[in-house]
């Protein structure tokens, strides 16, 4: 009797639990939740420290006058017969090589750079005045000419740069500048061109330069640079003396002289390779 009662109780219990178990089995399972982990990469730090070499092209402007500084007999003819000055603005292309060294200190870059470029910066001007009895010559107008050309242009400068980002450097720069500058001057009789004064100067000029620029590190080794420099070199002085024909007519007492301030600006675009 006890066994029958026990079996009956277990049967009833299982019957009551069955719907509950079945209902739990029918419930949908929640999908697993995966949290996205974002790993932030540290910005790449470029090593600006070290030696580099490069090449560049650019354009130069040098807008100066050849100011007449001849002796008294010549200056007495100005400005009707000869000019007080001639505009020898000398513009042109340039291209060359550069090399330097950088030292990075936190967000600053200290460096030194030297460069040399061939240039096509040249210019000339002339003036033909009214007729006069110039230096004892037969009455005639005379044409006064002056020209200038920068054969090459170079600098040796310090640089101080700042890194607003790892790839970009903005900098200021200043130092020494030098060039080979050639000038020519002449005075020629219009009626008789064999009567003339001529002179030339071709000499090394030294001075200073200052400017600013920016450089962008395109890869770990290559950078692109844009800069501009103002320069101020020693003046050029040229004396035009009479040829034999002019001297025979008594023109030896007159010399045409001029002085040119060799100042200007160059803008350059270049590529550097960093070791």
Protein backbone atom coordinates (compact mmCIF):
# COMPACT_ATOMS: atom_id res chain seq x y z
CA UNK A 1 0.00 0.00 0.00
CA UNK A 2 2.88 2.34 0.82
CA UNK A 3 4.60 1.60 -2.48
CA UNK A 4 1.43 2.24 -4.42
CA UNK A 5 0.93 5.55 -2.71
CA UNK A 6 4.56 6.58 -3.35
CA UNK A 7 4.37 5.70 -7.02
CA UNK A 8 1.14 7.58 -7.36
CA UNK A 9 2.67 10.71 -5.78
CA UNK A 10 5.73 10.66 -8.07
CA UNK A 11 3.52 10.22 -11.12
CA UNK A 12 1.43 13.23 -10.22
CA UNK A 13 4.54 15.32 -9.54
CA UNK A 14 6.11 14.47 -12.93
CA UNK A 15 2.85 15.20 -14.69
CA UNK A 16 2.69 18.65 -13.12
CA UNK A 17 6.35 19.45 -13.96
CA UNK A 18 6.22 18.34 -17.60
CA UNK A 19 4.48 21.45 -18.99
CA UNK A 20 6.91 23.70 -17.14
CA UNK A 21 9.95 21.90 -18.56
CA UNK A 22 8.45 21.92 -22.03
CA UNK A 23 7.71 25.67 -21.79
CA UNK A 24 11.30 26.43 -20.69
CA UNK A 25 12.66 24.42 -23.62
CA UNK A 26 10.53 26.45 -26.03
CA UNK A 27 11.98 29.81 -24.88
CA UNK A 28 14.44 31.38 -27.41
CA UNK A 29 18.07 31.59 -26.33
CA UNK A 30 19.65 35.08 -26.15
CA UNK A 31 22.52 35.44 -28.67
CA UNK A 32 25.97 36.01 -27.19
CA UNK A 33 26.98 39.67 -26.89
CA UNK A 34 30.47 40.61 -28.14
CA UNK A 35 31.89 43.98 -27.17
CA UNK A 36 34.01 45.67 -29.87
CA UNK A 37 37.47 46.46 -28.60
CA UNK A 38 39.03 49.49 -30.34
CA UNK A 39 42.80 49.65 -30.17
CA UNK A 40 44.08 53.16 -30.83
CA UNK A 41 47.41 53.20 -32.62
CA UNK A 42 49.96 55.74 -31.48
CA UNK A 43 50.75 58.31 -34.23
CA UNK A 44 53.81 57.46 -36.26
CA UNK A 45 56.81 59.48 -35.15
CA UNK A 46 59.11 60.55 -37.96
CA UNK A 47 62.79 60.78 -37.25
CA UNK A 48 63.76 64.21 -38.56
CA UNK A 49 67.25 63.84 -37.06
CA UNK A 50 70.06 63.12 -39.51
CA UNK A 51 71.69 64.10 -42.78
CA UNK A 52 69.80 64.73 -46.01
CA UNK A 53 70.44 65.73 -49.61
CA UNK A 54 68.08 67.18 -52.18
CA UNK A 55 67.41 69.07 -55.38
CA UNK A 56 65.22 72.09 -56.14
CA UNK A 57 63.94 74.42 -58.83
CA UNK A 58 62.68 77.95 -58.43
CA UNK A 59 62.46 81.52 -59.64
CA UNK A 60 64.32 84.67 -58.63
CA UNK A 61 63.51 88.38 -58.70
CA UNK A 62 66.07 91.16 -58.33
CA UNK A 63 64.60 94.59 -59.06
CA UNK A 64 67.45 97.09 -58.76
CA UNK A 65 68.58 100.19 -60.67
CA UNK A 66 71.98 100.92 -62.15
CA UNK A 67 72.43 104.37 -60.64
CA UNK A 68 74.70 106.68 -62.62
CA UNK A 69 77.80 107.65 -60.62
CA UNK A 70 80.06 108.89 -63.43
CA UNK A 71 82.44 111.81 -63.14
CA UNK A 72 81.24 115.41 -63.18
CA UNK A 73 81.30 115.98 -66.99
CA UNK A 74 79.11 112.91 -67.48
CA UNK A 75 76.64 113.67 -64.68
CA UNK A 76 76.28 117.22 -66.03
CA UNK A 77 74.56 115.71 -69.09
CA UNK A 78 71.83 113.98 -67.06
CA UNK A 79 68.92 113.59 -67.28
CA UNK A 80 68.24 115.02 -70.76
CA UNK A 81 71.10 113.37 -72.61
CA UNK A 82 72.04 110.46 -70.33
CA UNK A 83 69.96 108.73 -67.59
CA UNK A 84 70.15 109.20 -63.86
CA UNK A 85 69.57 105.46 -63.59
CA UNK A 86 68.65 102.39 -65.63
CA UNK A 87 66.32 99.57 -64.51
CA UNK A 88 68.27 96.30 -64.59
CA UNK A 89 65.58 94.16 -62.96
CA UNK A 90 66.99 90.64 -63.20
CA UNK A 91 64.46 87.81 -63.11
CA UNK A 92 64.79 84.18 -64.10
CA UNK A 93 64.76 80.48 -63.32
CA UNK A 94 67.17 78.69 -61.03
CA UNK A 95 67.89 75.08 -60.14
CA UNK A 96 70.39 73.32 -57.92
CA UNK A 97 71.34 70.96 -55.11
CA UNK A 98 71.28 71.20 -51.34
CA UNK A 99 72.48 69.23 -48.32
CA UNK A 100 72.02 69.59 -44.58
CA UNK A 101 71.62 68.11 -41.12
CA UNK A 102 68.68 68.18 -38.67
CA UNK A 103 68.51 67.55 -34.94
CA UNK A 104 65.05 66.99 -33.47
CA UNK A 105 64.42 68.17 -29.89
CA UNK A 106 60.82 67.35 -28.87
CA UNK A 107 58.64 69.44 -31.20
CA UNK A 108 61.54 71.55 -32.49
CA UNK A 109 64.12 70.87 -35.19
CA UNK A 110 67.51 72.60 -35.32
CA UNK A 111 69.51 72.36 -38.52
CA UNK A 112 72.06 73.72 -40.95
CA UNK A 113 71.70 73.72 -44.74
CA UNK A 114 73.84 74.69 -47.72
CA UNK A 115 72.80 74.99 -51.37
CA UNK A 116 74.12 76.06 -54.75
CA UNK A 117 72.14 76.81 -57.92
CA UNK A 118 72.72 77.86 -61.50
CA UNK A 119 70.48 80.78 -62.45
CA UNK A 120 69.08 82.56 -65.47
CA UNK A 121 68.43 85.76 -63.51
CA UNK A 122 69.37 88.60 -65.84
CA UNK A 123 68.14 91.96 -67.02
CA UNK A 124 69.14 95.06 -68.98
CA UNK A 125 67.95 98.54 -69.87
CA UNK A 126 68.96 101.38 -72.19
CA UNK A 127 68.24 105.07 -72.70
CA UNK A 128 68.72 107.26 -75.77
CA UNK A 129 68.72 110.96 -74.99
CA UNK A 130 68.59 114.14 -76.99
CA UNK A 131 71.43 115.16 -79.30
CA UNK A 132 74.40 116.84 -77.69
CA UNK A 133 78.04 117.55 -78.23
CA UNK A 134 79.15 114.67 -76.01
CA UNK A 135 82.77 114.98 -74.88
CA UNK A 136 83.88 116.91 -77.93
CA UNK A 137 82.28 114.42 -80.34
CA UNK A 138 80.22 115.49 -83.34
CA UNK A 139 76.72 116.49 -82.23
CA UNK A 140 74.73 113.29 -81.75
CA UNK A 141 72.43 111.48 -79.40
CA UNK A 142 74.01 108.73 -77.33
CA UNK A 143 72.55 105.45 -76.08
CA UNK A 144 73.45 104.42 -72.53
CA UNK A 145 73.09 100.73 -71.64
CA UNK A 146 73.50 98.63 -68.47
CA UNK A 147 72.96 94.93 -67.78
CA UNK A 148 73.36 92.41 -64.97
CA UNK A 149 73.35 88.62 -64.67
CA UNK A 150 73.59 86.28 -61.68
CA UNK A 151 75.73 83.35 -62.86
CA UNK A 152 75.01 81.20 -59.80
CA UNK A 153 73.53 81.68 -56.34
CA UNK A 154 74.25 79.87 -53.09
CA UNK A 155 73.62 80.04 -49.35
CA UNK A 156 74.83 78.56 -46.06
CA UNK A 157 72.11 78.93 -43.40
CA UNK A 158 70.87 77.84 -40.02
CA UNK A 159 67.27 76.61 -39.65
CA UNK A 160 64.87 76.56 -36.70
CA UNK A 161 61.78 74.47 -37.25
CA UNK A 162 58.58 73.64 -35.38
CA UNK A 163 56.48 70.47 -35.85
CA UNK A 164 52.73 71.22 -35.69
CA UNK A 165 52.34 67.55 -36.68
CA UNK A 166 54.70 64.61 -37.09
CA UNK A 167 54.88 65.02 -40.86
CA UNK A 168 54.94 68.81 -41.19
CA UNK A 169 57.68 71.25 -40.23
CA UNK A 170 57.51 75.03 -40.56
CA UNK A 171 60.80 76.88 -40.22
CA UNK A 172 62.67 80.15 -40.28
CA UNK A 173 66.15 80.40 -41.72
CA UNK A 174 69.01 82.91 -42.01
CA UNK A 175 72.69 82.95 -42.91
CA UNK A 176 75.21 83.75 -45.61
CA UNK A 177 74.57 84.25 -49.34
CA UNK A 178 76.94 84.46 -52.30
CA UNK A 179 76.84 84.79 -56.07
CA UNK A 180 78.93 85.45 -59.16
CA UNK A 181 77.48 88.65 -60.63
CA UNK A 182 78.44 90.02 -64.05
CA UNK A 183 77.58 93.56 -65.18
CA UNK A 184 78.14 95.48 -68.43
CA UNK A 185 77.84 99.20 -69.19
CA UNK A 186 78.24 101.20 -72.37
CA UNK A 187 77.63 104.58 -74.00
CA UNK A 188 77.44 104.68 -77.81
CA UNK A 189 77.06 107.50 -80.32
CA UNK A 190 73.89 107.01 -82.35
CA UNK A 191 75.31 108.63 -85.52
CA UNK A 192 78.70 106.94 -85.25
CA UNK A 193 78.58 103.68 -83.23
CA UNK A 194 82.36 103.29 -83.45
CA UNK A 195 82.58 106.08 -80.89
CA UNK A 196 81.80 104.33 -77.60
CA UNK A 197 82.55 103.85 -73.94
CA UNK A 198 82.43 100.33 -72.49
CA UNK A 199 83.12 98.55 -69.22
CA UNK A 200 82.35 95.29 -67.41
CA UNK A 201 82.66 93.66 -64.03
CA UNK A 202 82.46 89.95 -63.23
CA UNK A 203 83.09 89.26 -59.57
CA UNK A 204 82.14 87.19 -56.53
CA UNK A 205 79.61 88.91 -54.27
CA UNK A 206 79.03 88.06 -50.62
CA UNK A 207 76.15 88.98 -48.32
CA UNK A 208 73.30 87.71 -46.14
CA UNK A 209 69.93 86.04 -46.55
CA UNK A 210 66.83 85.31 -44.46
CA UNK A 211 63.50 83.63 -45.09
CA UNK A 212 60.97 80.97 -44.14
CA UNK A 213 59.43 77.80 -45.45
CA UNK A 214 57.68 74.49 -44.82
CA UNK A 215 58.68 70.86 -45.29
CA UNK A 216 56.37 67.82 -45.44
CA UNK A 217 57.56 64.26 -44.80
CA UNK A 218 55.79 62.33 -47.58
CA UNK A 219 57.42 58.98 -46.63
CA UNK A 220 59.92 57.86 -44.03
CA UNK A 221 62.75 58.99 -46.33
CA UNK A 222 61.37 61.59 -48.75
CA UNK A 223 60.18 65.10 -47.95
CA UNK A 224 58.84 67.97 -50.06
CA UNK A 225 60.06 71.49 -49.28
CA UNK A 226 58.88 74.99 -50.20
CA UNK A 227 60.84 78.06 -49.10
CA UNK A 228 61.49 81.70 -49.90
CA UNK A 229 64.63 83.75 -49.26
CA UNK A 230 65.43 87.45 -49.35
CA UNK A 231 69.07 88.24 -50.12
CA UNK A 232 71.33 91.30 -49.99
CA UNK A 233 74.77 91.07 -51.62
CA UNK A 234 77.63 93.49 -52.11
CA UNK A 235 77.03 96.21 -54.71
CA UNK A 236 78.37 95.99 -58.26
CA UNK A 237 80.27 98.96 -59.71
CA UNK A 238 81.09 99.32 -63.39
CA UNK A 239 83.11 101.98 -65.21
CA UNK A 240 82.73 102.48 -68.97
CA UNK A 241 85.87 104.04 -70.45
CA UNK A 242 86.25 105.46 -74.00
CA UNK A 243 87.60 103.38 -76.84
CA UNK A 244 90.40 104.71 -79.01
CA UNK A 245 88.05 106.44 -81.46
CA UNK A 246 86.16 108.26 -78.69
CA UNK A 247 89.40 109.23 -76.93
CA UNK A 248 90.79 110.67 -80.18
CA UNK A 249 87.79 113.01 -80.33
CA UNK A 250 88.46 114.20 -76.81
CA UNK A 251 86.04 111.90 -75.06
CA UNK A 252 88.68 110.64 -72.68
CA UNK A 253 87.65 113.21 -70.08
CA UNK A 254 84.29 111.51 -69.54
CA UNK A 255 83.64 108.16 -67.84
CA UNK A 256 80.25 106.53 -67.41
CA UNK A 257 80.02 104.73 -64.07
CA UNK A 258 77.09 103.04 -62.35
CA UNK A 259 76.38 101.22 -59.10
CA UNK A 260 73.84 98.42 -58.59
CA UNK A 261 72.40 97.13 -55.32
CA UNK A 262 72.34 93.33 -55.65
CA UNK A 263 69.23 92.49 -53.64
CA UNK A 264 66.29 90.23 -54.39
CA UNK A 265 64.12 87.25 -53.55
CA UNK A 266 64.10 83.58 -54.57
CA UNK A 267 61.27 81.08 -54.20
CA UNK A 268 62.07 77.35 -54.42
CA UNK A 269 60.35 73.96 -54.49
CA UNK A 270 62.44 70.90 -53.74
CA UNK A 271 62.65 67.26 -52.67
CA UNK A 272 64.94 65.91 -49.94
CA UNK A 273 66.13 62.36 -49.21
CA UNK A 274 66.78 61.67 -45.50
CA UNK A 275 69.40 59.12 -44.46
